[in-house]
Protein backbone atom coordinates (compact mmCIF):
# COMPACT_ATOMS: atom_id res chain seq x y z
CA MET A 1 75.38 23.01 25.49
CA LYS A 2 76.71 23.55 21.88
CA ASN A 3 75.86 27.27 21.94
CA LYS A 4 76.34 28.20 25.48
CA GLU A 5 79.19 30.92 24.74
CA GLU A 6 76.98 32.35 22.32
CA TRP A 7 73.77 32.71 24.38
CA ARG A 8 75.69 33.91 27.50
CA SER A 9 77.31 36.66 25.42
CA ARG A 10 73.90 37.92 24.63
CA ALA A 11 73.45 38.92 28.31
CA LYS A 12 76.80 40.56 28.42
CA THR A 13 77.49 44.37 27.54
CA HIS A 14 79.63 45.01 24.22
CA PHE A 15 79.47 49.04 24.55
CA ASN A 16 83.31 49.29 23.97
CA LYS A 17 82.87 47.87 20.68
CA LEU A 18 80.51 50.77 19.55
CA GLN A 19 83.46 53.18 19.67
CA ASP A 20 84.55 51.45 16.26
CA ILE A 21 80.81 51.44 14.81
CA VAL A 22 79.29 54.10 12.79
CA THR A 23 75.36 53.80 13.90
CA ASP A 24 72.57 55.19 11.65
CA GLN A 25 72.19 58.09 14.01
CA MET A 26 75.81 58.94 13.59
CA LYS A 27 75.23 58.82 9.71
CA GLY A 28 72.37 61.40 10.03
CA ASN A 29 69.70 58.97 9.18
CA PRO A 30 66.29 60.16 10.32
CA ALA A 31 65.16 58.52 13.60
CA PRO A 32 62.20 56.11 13.46
CA PRO A 33 58.85 57.46 14.68
CA LEU A 34 58.14 57.52 18.35
CA GLN A 35 54.93 55.48 17.83
CA LYS A 36 53.85 53.00 15.24
CA PRO A 37 51.48 54.94 12.72
CA TYR A 38 48.10 53.80 12.48
CA SER A 39 45.59 54.23 9.60
CA SER A 40 43.42 57.27 9.39
CA GLU A 41 40.41 55.02 9.21
CA SER A 42 41.23 52.98 12.50
CA ARG A 43 38.67 53.23 15.37
CA LEU A 44 40.25 55.29 18.08
CA PHE A 45 39.03 55.22 21.61
CA ASP A 46 39.67 58.24 24.00
CA LEU A 47 41.24 56.91 27.54
CA PRO A 48 40.27 58.98 30.75
CA ALA A 49 42.85 60.96 32.21
CA VAL A 50 44.77 58.78 35.04
CA ASN A 51 42.52 59.12 38.19
CA ASP A 52 44.20 58.45 41.76
CA SER A 53 40.71 57.96 43.30
CA ILE A 54 40.70 54.39 41.99
CA ILE A 55 44.09 53.49 43.96
CA LYS A 56 43.39 50.98 46.78
CA ASN A 57 47.01 50.84 48.14
CA ARG A 58 48.94 54.05 48.13
CA ASP A 59 51.97 52.57 50.16
CA ILE A 60 54.93 51.92 47.98
CA PHE A 61 56.28 49.82 50.76
CA SER A 62 53.45 47.61 51.02
CA CYS A 63 52.97 47.38 47.00
CA LEU A 64 56.68 46.35 46.82
CA GLY A 65 56.15 43.81 49.64
CA LYS A 66 53.26 42.33 48.35
CA ARG A 67 54.28 41.99 44.68
CA ARG A 68 53.56 38.58 43.63
CA SER A 69 52.92 36.78 40.05
CA ARG A 70 49.09 35.94 40.36
CA ARG A 71 47.37 33.36 38.18
CA LYS A 72 44.12 33.03 39.54
CA TYR A 73 41.28 35.73 38.69
CA THR A 74 37.52 36.27 39.20
CA ASP A 75 35.38 36.93 36.25
CA GLU A 76 34.70 40.53 37.21
CA SER A 77 35.34 43.09 34.48
CA LEU A 78 38.04 45.53 34.44
CA SER A 79 37.01 49.06 34.32
CA ILE A 80 38.21 51.65 31.49
CA GLU A 81 39.49 53.80 34.20
CA GLU A 82 41.77 50.93 35.62
CA LEU A 83 42.88 49.88 32.16
CA ALA A 84 43.91 53.72 31.62
CA PHE A 85 45.74 53.66 34.71
CA LEU A 86 47.64 50.45 34.07
CA LEU A 87 48.55 51.54 30.35
CA TRP A 88 49.75 55.26 31.52
CA PHE A 89 52.00 53.80 34.21
CA THR A 90 53.68 51.25 31.82
CA ASN A 91 54.36 53.22 28.93
CA GLY A 92 52.79 56.84 29.42
CA VAL A 93 54.23 59.90 28.06
CA GLN A 94 54.86 62.70 30.35
CA LYS A 95 56.88 65.16 28.24
CA VAL A 96 58.22 65.29 24.52
CA PHE A 97 61.30 66.83 23.70
CA LYS A 98 62.36 68.13 20.38
CA ARG A 99 65.96 67.39 19.75
CA SER A 100 66.06 68.86 16.28
CA GLU A 101 63.84 69.34 13.32
CA ASP A 102 63.48 65.48 12.50
CA PHE A 103 64.56 64.20 16.28
CA SER A 104 62.39 63.89 19.42
CA VAL A 105 62.54 62.05 22.39
CA THR A 106 59.95 61.40 25.29
CA LEU A 107 60.08 61.41 29.04
CA ARG A 108 57.84 58.36 29.92
CA THR A 109 56.67 56.69 33.21
CA VAL A 110 59.60 54.12 32.58
CA PRO A 111 63.25 54.40 31.81
CA SER A 112 64.48 53.27 28.49
CA ALA A 113 68.22 53.17 27.06
CA GLY A 114 68.83 56.38 25.18
CA ALA A 115 65.37 57.26 25.46
CA ARG A 116 64.54 55.09 22.67
CA HIS A 117 61.30 53.37 24.09
CA PRO A 118 61.21 50.73 21.45
CA LEU A 119 58.12 48.88 22.70
CA GLU A 120 54.60 48.98 21.53
CA THR A 121 51.88 48.16 23.98
CA TYR A 122 48.90 45.66 22.38
CA ILE A 123 45.85 44.76 24.65
CA LEU A 124 44.24 41.68 24.08
CA ALA A 125 40.71 42.54 25.57
CA ASN A 126 38.39 39.91 27.07
CA ARG A 127 36.24 41.66 29.74
CA ILE A 128 37.01 45.32 29.74
CA ALA A 129 33.84 47.42 30.52
CA GLY A 130 32.60 49.62 27.36
CA ILE A 131 35.02 47.93 25.09
CA ASP A 132 34.41 45.07 22.45
CA SER A 133 36.72 42.13 22.78
CA GLY A 134 39.55 42.36 20.44
CA LEU A 135 42.94 43.56 19.59
CA TYR A 136 43.92 47.00 20.56
CA ARG A 137 46.95 49.03 20.55
CA TYR A 138 47.86 51.93 23.12
CA LEU A 139 49.04 55.30 21.72
CA PRO A 140 51.15 56.83 24.47
CA LEU A 141 51.69 60.12 22.56
CA ASP A 142 48.02 60.40 22.48
CA HIS A 143 46.60 58.43 25.51
CA LYS A 144 44.23 56.53 23.25
CA LEU A 145 43.75 53.08 22.14
CA VAL A 146 43.47 51.97 18.37
CA MET A 147 41.61 49.14 17.75
CA GLU A 148 43.82 46.71 15.47
CA HIS A 149 41.73 43.56 14.85
CA SER A 150 38.78 41.42 16.23
CA ILE A 151 40.03 38.05 17.20
CA SER A 152 37.59 35.22 17.01
CA SER A 153 37.95 32.61 20.00
CA PRO A 154 40.55 34.94 21.82
CA GLU A 155 40.89 32.25 24.80
CA GLN A 156 41.74 29.58 22.59
CA VAL A 157 44.02 31.70 20.57
CA ILE A 158 45.98 33.05 23.71
CA THR A 159 46.19 29.63 25.28
CA GLU A 160 47.71 27.99 22.28
CA ALA A 161 50.15 30.81 21.98
CA THR A 162 51.16 30.54 25.62
CA MET A 163 51.76 26.74 25.11
CA GLY A 164 48.84 25.63 27.01
CA GLN A 165 48.79 28.44 30.04
CA SER A 166 44.96 28.48 30.29
CA PHE A 167 45.01 31.11 32.96
CA VAL A 168 46.49 33.50 30.26
CA GLY A 169 43.62 33.03 27.76
CA LYS A 170 40.97 33.47 30.68
CA ALA A 171 42.49 36.74 32.07
CA LEU A 172 40.39 39.81 31.48
CA LEU A 173 42.82 41.28 29.29
CA VAL A 174 46.60 40.28 28.23
CA ILE A 175 49.16 43.05 27.57
CA ALA A 176 51.70 42.00 24.95
CA TRP A 177 54.92 44.17 24.45
CA SER A 178 56.22 44.20 20.85
CA ALA A 179 59.54 45.31 20.04
CA LEU A 180 60.23 47.58 17.07
CA PRO A 181 63.96 46.87 17.09
CA TYR A 182 65.27 49.54 14.78
CA ARG A 183 64.36 52.31 17.11
CA THR A 184 67.10 51.06 19.43
CA GLU A 185 69.22 49.74 16.73
CA TRP A 186 69.46 53.44 15.06
CA ARG A 187 71.27 54.38 18.05
CA TYR A 188 73.18 51.52 19.45
CA ASN A 189 73.37 48.98 16.42
CA GLY A 190 73.94 45.43 17.71
CA GLU A 191 74.00 46.21 21.44
CA ALA A 192 70.22 46.87 21.00
CA ALA A 193 69.02 43.42 21.67
CA LYS A 194 70.12 43.54 25.21
CA LEU A 195 68.83 46.85 25.84
CA ILE A 196 65.38 46.08 24.60
CA LEU A 197 64.93 43.32 26.79
CA LEU A 198 66.15 45.41 29.56
CA ASP A 199 63.45 47.85 28.81
CA ALA A 200 60.89 45.12 28.71
CA GLY A 201 61.76 44.29 32.30
CA HIS A 202 61.17 48.01 33.22
CA VAL A 203 57.84 47.89 31.91
CA CYS A 204 56.50 44.98 33.25
CA GLN A 205 57.70 45.71 36.86
CA ASN A 206 55.67 48.77 36.59
CA LEU A 207 52.83 46.74 35.70
CA TYR A 208 53.21 44.71 38.75
CA LEU A 209 53.31 47.75 40.85
CA ALA A 210 50.34 49.59 39.17
CA ALA A 211 48.47 46.40 39.40
CA GLU A 212 49.08 46.00 43.15
CA ALA A 213 48.24 49.60 43.71
CA LEU A 214 44.66 48.90 42.23
CA GLY A 215 44.30 45.36 43.80
CA LEU A 216 44.60 43.48 40.45
CA GLY A 217 46.77 40.60 39.82
CA THR A 218 49.36 40.19 36.86
CA CYS A 219 52.02 37.49 36.14
CA GLY A 220 54.82 38.11 33.59
CA ILE A 221 54.97 35.49 30.72
CA ALA A 222 58.17 34.61 28.73
CA ALA A 223 57.13 31.17 27.65
CA TYR A 224 55.29 31.44 24.41
CA ASP A 225 55.09 30.47 20.98
CA GLN A 226 56.92 33.22 19.00
CA GLU A 227 55.22 32.35 15.53
CA LYS A 228 51.84 32.10 17.09
CA ILE A 229 51.68 35.06 19.19
CA ASP A 230 53.36 37.36 16.43
CA LYS A 231 50.56 35.67 14.00
CA ALA A 232 47.88 36.45 16.63
CA LEU A 233 48.87 39.96 16.73
CA HIS A 234 49.35 40.32 12.83
CA LEU A 235 53.29 41.25 13.38
CA ASP A 236 55.75 40.39 10.88
CA SER A 237 58.31 38.64 13.33
CA GLU A 238 61.36 40.53 11.54
CA GLU A 239 60.63 44.32 12.21
CA GLU A 240 58.41 43.85 14.96
CA PHE A 241 57.85 40.85 17.18
CA VAL A 242 56.54 40.02 20.78
CA VAL A 243 59.01 40.14 23.67
CA TYR A 244 56.89 39.66 26.90
CA LEU A 245 53.35 38.99 27.86
CA ALA A 246 51.11 39.89 31.08
CA PRO A 247 47.57 38.80 31.84
CA VAL A 248 45.60 41.20 34.11
CA GLY A 249 42.63 39.98 36.26
CA LYS A 250 40.61 40.74 39.32
CA LEU A 251 41.34 39.13 42.59
């Protein structure tokens, strides 16, 4: 393993070295936006407020105990209420705090290093009631969806991007989390890489628990073709790229 030391170093903390680095935040450079902008011509879809009446399992002990990676789903469609629940509990904004004239942070349903929240949430919709199939993005500040692109043959595209994992392409939807690394680099410089991946873990675990509460199934996917999935989501692979995927289905 030629690069074993380098690979293992990525999983270690290097915060002590930050004492000698002047970050962009320390330089007074403006913070990146809390939410990726969208065109004024984009189609927006209002999501219903999170409604606890759709919860099937309210026992957190049971949800934790039953949490599994599930790969077999039925053909039943997901409701818009269930989608709103999953999205809000994985990246929903509870409150915005204005720290200065050009710097705000958010309190969300998931933790994030320095409250930087570097992840964007994309939804590759196959069968969601009331929503056409295609690629959407969750707008956590607004609790809305913005349609990004239509996708021809989404099942084939996703199956190929996940290196033949056909159950992913057949799911009701696939949630893809992309990283905008500069959101975290702005404050933590080179330490951002590890922090972003930790944040992705927080988000996906919330998805697992939210899915268990609704009687749904999901499975975290780290094995995918980076170039193909970034291309499917129209990401540049430099300033924004996928870091985690998870299909969702009915059981």
